N, C-alpha and C. Protein backbone atom coordinates (compact mmCIF):
# COMPACT_ATOMS: atom_id res chain seq x y z
N UNK A 1 -29.09 5.68 -3.87
CA UNK A 1 -27.86 4.87 -4.41
C UNK A 1 -27.13 4.21 -3.58
N UNK A 2 -27.15 2.80 -3.51
CA UNK A 2 -26.42 2.05 -2.26
C UNK A 2 -25.19 2.02 -3.09
N UNK A 3 -24.19 1.26 -2.13
CA UNK A 3 -22.92 0.91 -2.38
C UNK A 3 -23.04 -0.13 -3.79
N UNK A 4 -23.58 -0.74 -3.89
CA UNK A 4 -23.68 -1.54 -5.38
C UNK A 4 -23.56 -0.69 -6.59
N UNK A 5 -24.39 0.49 -6.62
CA UNK A 5 -24.29 1.11 -7.76
C UNK A 5 -23.06 1.83 -7.96
N UNK A 6 -22.48 2.05 -7.01
CA UNK A 6 -20.89 2.85 -7.13
C UNK A 6 -20.02 1.75 -7.18
N UNK A 7 -20.00 0.54 -7.38
CA UNK A 7 -19.13 -0.39 -7.61
C UNK A 7 -18.23 -0.44 -6.25
N UNK A 8 -18.80 -0.30 -5.11
CA UNK A 8 -18.16 -0.35 -4.16
C UNK A 8 -18.18 -1.62 -3.23
N UNK A 9 -17.14 -2.42 -2.57
CA UNK A 9 -17.09 -3.72 -1.97
C UNK A 9 -16.50 -3.41 -0.59
N UNK A 10 -17.33 -3.76 0.19
CA UNK A 10 -16.77 -3.59 1.60
C UNK A 10 -16.25 -4.92 2.25
N UNK A 11 -14.84 -4.96 2.54
CA UNK A 11 -14.08 -6.00 2.84
C UNK A 11 -13.84 -5.87 4.47
N UNK A 12 -14.11 -6.90 5.14
CA UNK A 12 -13.69 -6.92 6.64
C UNK A 12 -12.62 -7.92 6.94
N UNK A 13 -11.73 -7.54 7.82
CA UNK A 13 -10.62 -8.42 8.18
C UNK A 13 -11.15 -8.87 9.51
N UNK A 14 -11.08 -10.21 9.68
CA UNK A 14 -10.97 -10.75 11.16
C UNK A 14 -10.19 -10.35 12.13
N UNK A 15 -10.91 -9.99 13.25
CA UNK A 15 -10.09 -9.29 14.50
C UNK A 15 -8.68 -10.31 14.58
N UNK A 16 -7.64 -9.42 14.93
CA UNK A 16 -6.48 -9.91 15.47
C UNK A 16 -5.86 -11.13 14.36
N UNK A 17 -6.17 -10.98 12.99
CA UNK A 17 -5.57 -11.56 11.79
C UNK A 17 -4.95 -10.67 10.70
N UNK A 18 -4.67 -9.39 11.02
CA UNK A 18 -3.85 -8.49 10.24
C UNK A 18 -2.38 -9.02 10.10
N UNK A 19 -1.46 -9.70 10.94
CA UNK A 19 -0.46 -10.36 10.81
C UNK A 19 -0.60 -11.41 9.85
N UNK A 20 -1.70 -11.75 9.76
CA UNK A 20 -1.76 -13.24 8.75
C UNK A 20 -2.14 -12.44 7.33
N UNK A 21 -3.10 -11.62 7.31
CA UNK A 21 -3.85 -11.12 6.11
C UNK A 21 -3.13 -10.12 5.38
N UNK A 22 -1.98 -9.33 6.15
CA UNK A 22 -1.42 -8.09 5.55
C UNK A 22 0.02 -8.26 5.84
N UNK A 23 0.49 -9.02 5.00
CA UNK A 23 2.34 -9.50 5.10
C UNK A 23 2.89 -8.11 4.80
N UNK A 24 2.60 -6.95 4.02
CA UNK A 24 3.12 -5.90 3.85
C UNK A 24 3.66 -5.12 5.29
N UNK A 25 2.46 -5.42 6.11
CA UNK A 25 2.43 -4.63 7.25
C UNK A 25 3.55 -4.92 8.33
N UNK A 26 4.13 -6.29 8.25
CA UNK A 26 4.74 -7.25 8.68
C UNK A 26 6.36 -6.56 8.47
N UNK A 27 6.68 -6.77 7.10
CA UNK A 27 8.09 -6.69 6.53
C UNK A 27 8.43 -5.60 5.83
N UNK A 28 7.24 -4.64 5.21
CA UNK A 28 7.65 -3.43 4.63
C UNK A 28 7.22 -2.07 5.31
N UNK A 29 5.96 -2.14 5.48
CA UNK A 29 5.74 -1.02 6.07
C UNK A 29 6.11 -0.74 7.58
N UNK A 30 6.32 -1.60 8.22
CA UNK A 30 6.69 -1.53 9.61
C UNK A 30 8.06 -0.86 9.73
N UNK A 31 9.13 -1.64 8.82
CA UNK A 31 10.39 -1.16 8.89
C UNK A 31 10.22 0.18 8.24
N UNK A 32 9.57 0.50 7.01
CA UNK A 32 9.65 1.94 6.66
C UNK A 32 9.18 2.90 7.72
N UNK A 33 8.27 2.77 8.68
CA UNK A 33 7.85 3.60 9.72
C UNK A 33 9.20 3.81 10.76
N UNK A 34 9.92 2.62 10.99
CA UNK A 34 10.96 2.58 11.89
C UNK A 34 12.25 3.58 11.06
N UNK A 35 12.29 3.36 9.81
CA UNK A 35 13.49 3.85 9.35
C UNK A 35 13.23 5.37 9.02
N UNK A 36 12.15 5.59 8.71
CA UNK A 36 11.61 7.06 8.48
C UNK A 36 11.83 7.83 9.83
N UNK A 37 11.24 7.16 10.94
CA UNK A 37 11.53 7.82 12.32
C UNK A 37 12.94 8.00 12.50
N UNK A 38 13.62 7.14 12.19
CA UNK A 38 15.11 7.35 12.54
C UNK A 38 15.85 8.20 11.60
N UNK A 39 15.21 8.26 10.29
CA UNK A 39 16.03 9.37 9.47
C UNK A 39 15.57 10.60 9.93
N UNK A 40 14.32 11.05 10.49
CA UNK A 40 13.68 12.03 11.11
C UNK A 40 14.43 12.72 12.43
N UNK A 41 14.70 11.84 13.08
CA UNK A 41 15.31 12.20 14.38
C UNK A 41 16.84 12.49 14.15
N UNK A 42 17.66 11.75 13.10
CA UNK A 42 18.56 12.15 12.70
C UNK A 42 18.73 13.65 12.03
N UNK A 43 17.89 13.91 11.20
CA UNK A 43 17.57 15.15 10.43
C UNK A 43 17.53 16.26 11.54
N UNK A 44 16.67 15.96 12.80
CA UNK A 44 16.46 16.98 13.45
C UNK A 44 17.65 17.38 14.42
N UNK A 45 18.48 16.14 14.83
CA UNK A 45 19.52 16.54 15.63
C UNK A 45 20.56 17.20 14.70
N UNK A 46 20.66 17.06 13.49
CA UNK A 46 21.79 17.75 12.44
C UNK A 46 21.03 19.12 12.24
N UNK A 47 19.91 19.37 12.47
CA UNK A 47 19.54 20.85 12.05
C UNK A 47 18.53 21.28 12.91
N UNK A 48 18.87 21.31 14.09
CA UNK A 48 18.20 22.10 15.00
C UNK A 48 17.71 23.39 15.02
N UNK A 49 18.63 24.11 14.33
CA UNK A 49 17.67 25.59 14.37
C UNK A 49 17.42 25.95 12.86
N UNK A 50 17.08 24.73 12.06
CA UNK A 50 16.68 25.18 10.71
C UNK A 50 15.21 24.38 10.73
N UNK A 51 14.39 25.11 10.12
CA UNK A 51 12.90 24.81 9.98
C UNK A 51 13.05 23.81 8.85
N UNK A 52 12.51 22.44 9.05
CA UNK A 52 12.18 21.64 8.00
C UNK A 52 11.14 22.06 6.56
N UNK A 53 11.46 21.84 5.85
CA UNK A 53 10.52 22.00 4.42
C UNK A 53 10.06 20.75 3.78
N UNK A 54 9.14 20.87 3.17
CA UNK A 54 8.43 19.46 2.34
C UNK A 54 9.44 18.72 1.62
N UNK A 55 10.56 19.59 1.18
CA UNK A 55 11.84 18.97 0.38
C UNK A 55 12.68 18.10 1.35
N UNK A 56 12.78 18.52 2.49
CA UNK A 56 13.51 17.80 3.59
C UNK A 56 12.74 16.56 3.87
N UNK A 57 11.47 16.50 4.09
CA UNK A 57 10.66 15.54 4.45
C UNK A 57 10.55 14.22 3.39
N UNK A 58 10.32 15.11 2.04
CA UNK A 58 10.41 14.13 0.75
C UNK A 58 11.90 13.41 0.64
N UNK A 59 12.72 14.00 1.17
CA UNK A 59 14.30 13.37 0.86
C UNK A 59 14.56 12.32 2.32
N UNK A 60 13.89 12.44 3.23
CA UNK A 60 13.95 11.75 4.46
C UNK A 60 12.92 10.54 4.01
N UNK A 61 11.71 10.57 3.61
CA UNK A 61 10.96 9.58 3.28
C UNK A 61 11.66 8.82 2.01
N UNK A 62 12.23 9.24 1.10
CA UNK A 62 12.88 8.58 0.05
C UNK A 62 13.76 7.62 0.57
N UNK A 63 14.75 8.22 1.52
CA UNK A 63 15.80 7.41 2.17
C UNK A 63 15.09 5.93 2.64
N UNK A 64 14.01 6.31 3.46
CA UNK A 64 13.52 4.82 4.11
C UNK A 64 12.85 4.15 2.99
N UNK A 65 12.17 4.77 2.11
CA UNK A 65 11.44 4.06 1.01
C UNK A 65 12.72 3.13 0.41
N UNK A 66 13.47 3.56 0.04
CA UNK A 66 14.58 2.81 -0.80
C UNK A 66 15.31 1.63 -0.03
N UNK A 67 15.27 1.87 1.38
CA UNK A 67 15.69 0.68 2.25
C UNK A 67 14.62 -0.45 2.34
N UNK A 68 13.54 -0.20 2.42
CA UNK A 68 12.45 -1.20 2.63
C UNK A 68 11.36 -1.52 1.35
N UNK A 69 11.45 -0.64 0.60
CA UNK A 69 10.38 -1.15 -0.61
C UNK A 69 11.02 -1.76 -1.87
N UNK A 70 12.03 -2.77 -1.68
CA UNK A 70 12.57 -3.48 -2.51
C UNK A 70 11.67 -4.75 -2.82
N UNK A 71 11.79 -5.47 -3.99
CA UNK A 71 11.32 -6.59 -4.28
C UNK A 71 11.61 -7.78 -3.24
N UNK A 72 13.02 -7.68 -2.95
CA UNK A 72 13.33 -8.68 -1.99
C UNK A 72 12.57 -8.54 -0.70
N UNK A 73 12.28 -7.52 -0.12
CA UNK A 73 11.56 -7.21 0.82
C UNK A 73 10.00 -7.43 0.75
N UNK A 74 9.63 -7.35 -0.34
CA UNK A 74 8.17 -7.44 -0.42
C UNK A 74 7.79 -9.03 -0.71
N UNK A 75 8.98 -9.83 -1.20
CA UNK A 75 8.54 -11.30 -1.37
C UNK A 75 8.88 -11.66 0.02
N UNK A 76 9.99 -11.36 0.81
CA UNK A 76 10.10 -11.92 1.94
C UNK A 76 9.03 -11.59 3.10
N UNK A 77 8.15 -10.41 2.85
CA UNK A 77 7.00 -10.10 3.61
C UNK A 77 5.99 -11.48 3.46
N UNK A 78 5.59 -12.06 2.35
CA UNK A 78 5.00 -12.79 2.31
C UNK A 78 5.43 -14.36 2.59
N UNK A 79 6.48 -14.42 2.49
CA UNK A 79 7.25 -15.87 2.94
C UNK A 79 7.24 -15.81 4.41
N UNK A 80 7.26 -14.65 5.05
CA UNK A 80 7.42 -14.59 6.56
C UNK A 80 6.08 -14.82 7.36
N UNK A 81 5.04 -14.24 6.47
CA UNK A 81 3.62 -14.65 7.34
C UNK A 81 3.16 -15.94 6.49
N UNK A 82 3.43 -16.45 5.78
CA UNK A 82 3.15 -17.72 5.19
C UNK A 82 2.48 -17.61 4.12
N UNK A 83 2.08 -16.28 3.56
CA UNK A 83 1.25 -16.25 2.56
C UNK A 83 2.42 -16.20 1.19
N UNK A 84 2.54 -17.26 0.61
CA UNK A 84 3.66 -17.62 -0.47
C UNK A 84 2.63 -17.62 -1.53
N UNK A 85 3.13 -16.91 -2.42
CA UNK A 85 2.37 -16.91 -4.05
C UNK A 85 2.36 -18.50 -4.40
N UNK A 86 1.44 -18.76 -4.96
CA UNK A 86 1.14 -20.19 -5.72
C UNK A 86 2.40 -20.47 -6.63
N UNK A 87 3.15 -21.37 -6.79
CA UNK A 87 3.73 -21.66 -7.70
C UNK A 87 2.98 -22.73 -8.97
N UNK A 88 2.18 -22.09 -9.93
CA UNK A 88 1.51 -23.33 -10.67
C UNK A 88 2.80 -23.79 -11.69
């Protein structure tokens, strides 16, 4: 059974073009990683003797998520990279 029988499609990006072809990396996921790291660092400083739980990590990720995953941020990602949705 080949890839066709499983409805799999291979998609390759050109080298050094992700900043053009992946706008969410530029203005959404990158800032999310930075906010998440910052929130984790703050948590560790404030809870130095406490073991973290999955609930703590979910709360931290949620704070970063709410800062970066807004419609405004997503639209600005496409504008920033020049991949602006067509206005028919």
